[in-house]
Amino acid sequence: MPIRLKKLIGMLLIVSLVVIYALVATTIATYRLSDQPWYVHLLYFFFSGLLWVVPAMLIIRWMAGPRAPAEDGEL
């Protein structure tokens, strides 16, 4: 697959991931955290704010493609 096509698909996947994830996380917070103390809100938004990075990282790794083999003497 050409690298430009992979990057286009990856970009569309990441944008979709962020939008859908934000809507789901906000919906869960609205319905489940309405009567919780402030520190529960803080922990929820801290962890939910970091959790989207994992699938985004996998998409970016896929977009980058396989690594080129290292030549002699290179690290």
Protein backbone atom coordinates (compact mmCIF):
# COMPACT_ATOMS: atom_id res chain seq x y z
CA MET A 1 0.00 0.00 0.00
CA PRO A 2 1.43 3.42 -0.89
CA ILE A 3 2.57 5.48 2.08
CA ARG A 4 0.37 8.45 1.10
CA LEU A 5 -2.73 6.26 1.15
CA LYS A 6 -1.74 4.79 4.52
CA LYS A 7 -1.28 8.28 5.95
CA LEU A 8 -4.64 9.44 4.60
CA ILE A 9 -6.43 6.41 6.04
CA GLY A 10 -4.57 6.79 9.34
CA MET A 11 -5.44 10.47 9.59
CA LEU A 12 -9.11 9.75 8.99
CA LEU A 13 -9.02 6.95 11.59
CA ILE A 14 -7.38 9.18 14.21
CA VAL A 15 -9.84 12.03 13.67
CA SER A 16 -12.75 9.58 13.87
CA LEU A 17 -11.26 8.00 16.99
CA VAL A 18 -10.92 11.33 18.77
CA VAL A 19 -14.44 12.50 17.93
CA ILE A 20 -16.13 9.21 18.83
CA TYR A 21 -14.02 8.75 21.96
CA ALA A 22 -14.80 12.26 23.18
CA LEU A 23 -18.53 11.74 22.67
CA VAL A 24 -18.50 8.37 24.46
CA ALA A 25 -16.34 9.60 27.35
CA THR A 26 -18.54 12.67 27.84
CA THR A 27 -21.72 10.61 27.70
CA ILE A 28 -20.39 8.18 30.31
CA ALA A 29 -19.34 11.08 32.52
CA THR A 30 -22.73 12.74 32.19
CA TYR A 31 -24.75 9.69 33.13
CA ARG A 32 -22.43 7.97 35.63
CA LEU A 33 -20.60 10.79 37.41
CA SER A 34 -23.37 13.29 38.04
CA ASP A 35 -23.59 12.63 41.79
CA GLN A 36 -19.93 11.76 42.43
CA PRO A 37 -17.44 13.94 44.33
CA TRP A 38 -14.96 16.16 42.52
CA TYR A 39 -12.01 13.79 42.90
CA VAL A 40 -13.87 11.02 41.07
CA HIS A 41 -14.43 13.45 38.20
CA LEU A 42 -10.75 14.37 38.28
CA LEU A 43 -9.61 10.74 38.14
CA TYR A 44 -12.12 9.82 35.44
CA PHE A 45 -11.16 12.67 33.15
CA PHE A 46 -7.46 12.12 33.82
CA PHE A 47 -7.57 8.46 32.83
CA SER A 48 -10.08 8.86 30.03
CA GLY A 49 -7.99 11.74 28.70
CA LEU A 50 -4.96 9.47 28.48
CA LEU A 51 -6.68 6.29 27.32
CA TRP A 52 -7.27 7.42 23.73
CA VAL A 53 -3.52 7.62 23.20
CA VAL A 54 -3.18 3.81 23.09
CA PRO A 55 -5.27 3.21 19.94
CA ALA A 56 -3.92 6.40 18.36
CA MET A 57 -0.38 5.14 18.97
CA LEU A 58 -1.22 1.85 17.25
CA ILE A 59 -2.67 3.69 14.25
CA ILE A 60 0.41 5.90 14.00
CA ARG A 61 2.68 2.86 14.23
CA TRP A 62 0.71 1.27 11.38
CA MET A 63 0.96 4.46 9.34
CA ALA A 64 4.73 4.56 9.75
CA GLY A 65 5.03 1.10 8.23
CA PRO A 66 7.83 -1.38 8.76
CA ARG A 67 11.20 -0.05 9.75
CA ALA A 68 13.96 -0.07 7.17
CA PRO A 69 16.70 -2.59 7.90
CA ALA A 70 19.69 -1.03 9.64
CA GLU A 71 22.92 -0.85 7.72
CA ASP A 72 26.20 -2.01 9.20
CA GLY A 73 27.39 0.34 11.92
CA GLU A 74 24.05 2.15 12.38
CA LEU A 75 21.95 1.93 15.49
